[in-house]
Amino acid sequence: MKNIDENLINISKTLNNAIEVLAIDENSSLKRDILSLGNYCENQNFRLAVFG
């Protein structure tokens, strides 16, 4: 399970770096979606807080 968590954190960091390199507009829905996905990858308990 630890490897999965590390992989998700790495994916999140990679996505965040990609949006910085691409200089995507701050108000872009793509950027918001990527940030949301990154936040989910780093904090998987978020889902439990929303539905719990």
N, C-alpha and C. Protein backbone atom coordinates (compact mmCIF):
# COMPACT_ATOMS: atom_id res chain seq x y z
N MET A 1 0.82 -1.19 0.00
CA MET A 1 0.00 0.00 0.00
C MET A 1 0.87 1.25 0.00
N LYS A 2 2.02 1.18 0.62
CA LYS A 2 2.89 2.34 0.69
C LYS A 2 3.37 2.75 -0.70
N ASN A 3 3.67 1.78 -1.57
CA ASN A 3 4.12 2.10 -2.92
C ASN A 3 3.03 2.81 -3.70
N ILE A 4 1.79 2.40 -3.49
CA ILE A 4 0.67 3.06 -4.18
C ILE A 4 0.57 4.51 -3.73
N ASP A 5 0.68 4.77 -2.43
CA ASP A 5 0.62 6.13 -1.91
C ASP A 5 1.76 6.97 -2.47
N GLU A 6 2.96 6.42 -2.52
CA GLU A 6 4.10 7.15 -3.06
C GLU A 6 3.90 7.45 -4.54
N ASN A 7 3.35 6.49 -5.28
CA ASN A 7 3.09 6.70 -6.70
C ASN A 7 2.05 7.81 -6.91
N LEU A 8 1.01 7.82 -6.10
CA LEU A 8 0.00 8.86 -6.23
C LEU A 8 0.57 10.24 -5.92
N ILE A 9 1.43 10.33 -4.93
CA ILE A 9 2.06 11.61 -4.60
C ILE A 9 2.97 12.04 -5.74
N ASN A 10 3.70 11.10 -6.33
CA ASN A 10 4.56 11.43 -7.48
C ASN A 10 3.74 11.89 -8.68
N ILE A 11 2.60 11.25 -8.91
CA ILE A 11 1.72 11.68 -10.00
C ILE A 11 1.24 13.10 -9.74
N SER A 12 0.86 13.38 -8.52
CA SER A 12 0.39 14.72 -8.17
C SER A 12 1.46 15.77 -8.41
N LYS A 13 2.67 15.47 -7.98
CA LYS A 13 3.78 16.42 -8.18
C LYS A 13 4.07 16.61 -9.66
N THR A 14 4.01 15.54 -10.43
CA THR A 14 4.25 15.63 -11.87
C THR A 14 3.18 16.48 -12.55
N LEU A 15 1.93 16.28 -12.18
CA LEU A 15 0.84 17.08 -12.75
C LEU A 15 1.00 18.56 -12.41
N ASN A 16 1.34 18.85 -11.16
CA ASN A 16 1.54 20.24 -10.76
C ASN A 16 2.70 20.88 -11.51
N ASN A 17 3.77 20.13 -11.70
CA ASN A 17 4.91 20.66 -12.46
C ASN A 17 4.53 20.90 -13.92
N ALA A 18 3.70 20.03 -14.47
CA ALA A 18 3.29 20.17 -15.87
C ALA A 18 2.48 21.43 -16.08
N ILE A 19 1.57 21.74 -15.16
CA ILE A 19 0.77 22.95 -15.35
C ILE A 19 1.60 24.20 -15.16
N GLU A 20 2.65 24.13 -14.35
CA GLU A 20 3.55 25.27 -14.21
C GLU A 20 4.37 25.48 -15.48
N VAL A 21 4.86 24.41 -16.05
CA VAL A 21 5.67 24.50 -17.27
C VAL A 21 4.83 25.00 -18.44
N LEU A 22 3.60 24.53 -18.53
CA LEU A 22 2.73 24.91 -19.64
C LEU A 22 2.14 26.30 -19.47
N ALA A 23 2.28 26.89 -18.30
CA ALA A 23 1.77 28.23 -18.01
C ALA A 23 0.29 28.33 -18.38
N ILE A 24 -0.49 27.40 -17.87
CA ILE A 24 -1.94 27.38 -18.11
C ILE A 24 -2.58 28.53 -17.33
N ASP A 25 -3.56 29.17 -17.94
CA ASP A 25 -4.27 30.30 -17.34
C ASP A 25 -4.83 29.91 -15.97
N GLU A 26 -4.75 30.84 -15.03
CA GLU A 26 -5.21 30.59 -13.65
C GLU A 26 -6.68 30.18 -13.58
N ASN A 27 -7.50 30.73 -14.46
CA ASN A 27 -8.94 30.47 -14.42
C ASN A 27 -9.36 29.30 -15.31
N SER A 28 -8.41 28.62 -15.88
CA SER A 28 -8.70 27.52 -16.79
C SER A 28 -9.33 26.34 -16.06
N SER A 29 -10.35 25.75 -16.69
CA SER A 29 -10.97 24.58 -16.08
C SER A 29 -10.00 23.40 -16.07
N LEU A 30 -9.11 23.34 -17.05
CA LEU A 30 -8.10 22.28 -17.08
C LEU A 30 -7.19 22.37 -15.86
N LYS A 31 -6.77 23.58 -15.52
CA LYS A 31 -5.90 23.74 -14.35
C LYS A 31 -6.64 23.37 -13.06
N ARG A 32 -7.89 23.78 -12.95
CA ARG A 32 -8.66 23.43 -11.75
C ARG A 32 -8.84 21.92 -11.64
N ASP A 33 -9.09 21.27 -12.77
CA ASP A 33 -9.25 19.81 -12.76
C ASP A 33 -7.96 19.11 -12.36
N ILE A 34 -6.84 19.58 -12.89
CA ILE A 34 -5.55 18.98 -12.56
C ILE A 34 -5.22 19.18 -11.09
N LEU A 35 -5.49 20.37 -10.57
CA LEU A 35 -5.24 20.62 -9.15
C LEU A 35 -6.14 19.77 -8.27
N SER A 36 -7.38 19.59 -8.68
CA SER A 36 -8.30 18.74 -7.92
C SER A 36 -7.83 17.30 -7.91
N LEU A 37 -7.40 16.83 -9.06
CA LEU A 37 -6.88 15.46 -9.14
C LEU A 37 -5.63 15.30 -8.28
N GLY A 38 -4.75 16.29 -8.32
CA GLY A 38 -3.55 16.25 -7.49
C GLY A 38 -3.87 16.23 -6.01
N ASN A 39 -4.84 17.05 -5.62
CA ASN A 39 -5.24 17.08 -4.21
C ASN A 39 -5.84 15.75 -3.79
N TYR A 40 -6.61 15.14 -4.68
CA TYR A 40 -7.18 13.84 -4.37
C TYR A 40 -6.08 12.79 -4.21
N CYS A 41 -5.08 12.82 -5.09
CA CYS A 41 -3.99 11.84 -5.02
C CYS A 41 -3.21 11.98 -3.72
N GLU A 42 -3.01 13.21 -3.27
CA GLU A 42 -2.23 13.42 -2.05
C GLU A 42 -3.05 13.16 -0.80
N ASN A 43 -4.35 13.41 -0.86
CA ASN A 43 -5.20 13.26 0.32
C ASN A 43 -6.41 12.40 -0.04
N GLN A 44 -6.23 11.10 0.00
CA GLN A 44 -7.28 10.18 -0.40
C GLN A 44 -8.42 10.14 0.60
N ASN A 45 -8.23 10.60 1.80
CA ASN A 45 -9.27 10.61 2.82
C ASN A 45 -10.32 11.67 2.52
N PHE A 46 -10.02 12.55 1.61
CA PHE A 46 -10.97 13.60 1.23
C PHE A 46 -12.30 12.99 0.81
N ARG A 47 -12.25 11.91 0.08
CA ARG A 47 -13.46 11.25 -0.39
C ARG A 47 -14.33 10.84 0.79
N LEU A 48 -13.73 10.33 1.85
CA LEU A 48 -14.48 9.91 3.01
C LEU A 48 -15.13 11.10 3.72
N ALA A 49 -14.45 12.21 3.72
CA ALA A 49 -14.99 13.40 4.37
C ALA A 49 -16.19 13.92 3.59
N VAL A 50 -16.17 13.81 2.28
CA VAL A 50 -17.27 14.32 1.47
C VAL A 50 -18.49 13.44 1.59
N PHE A 51 -18.30 12.13 1.53
CA PHE A 51 -19.43 11.21 1.53
C PHE A 51 -19.77 10.68 2.92
N GLY A 52 -18.88 10.91 3.89
CA GLY A 52 -19.07 10.31 5.20
C GLY A 52 -20.05 10.99 6.08
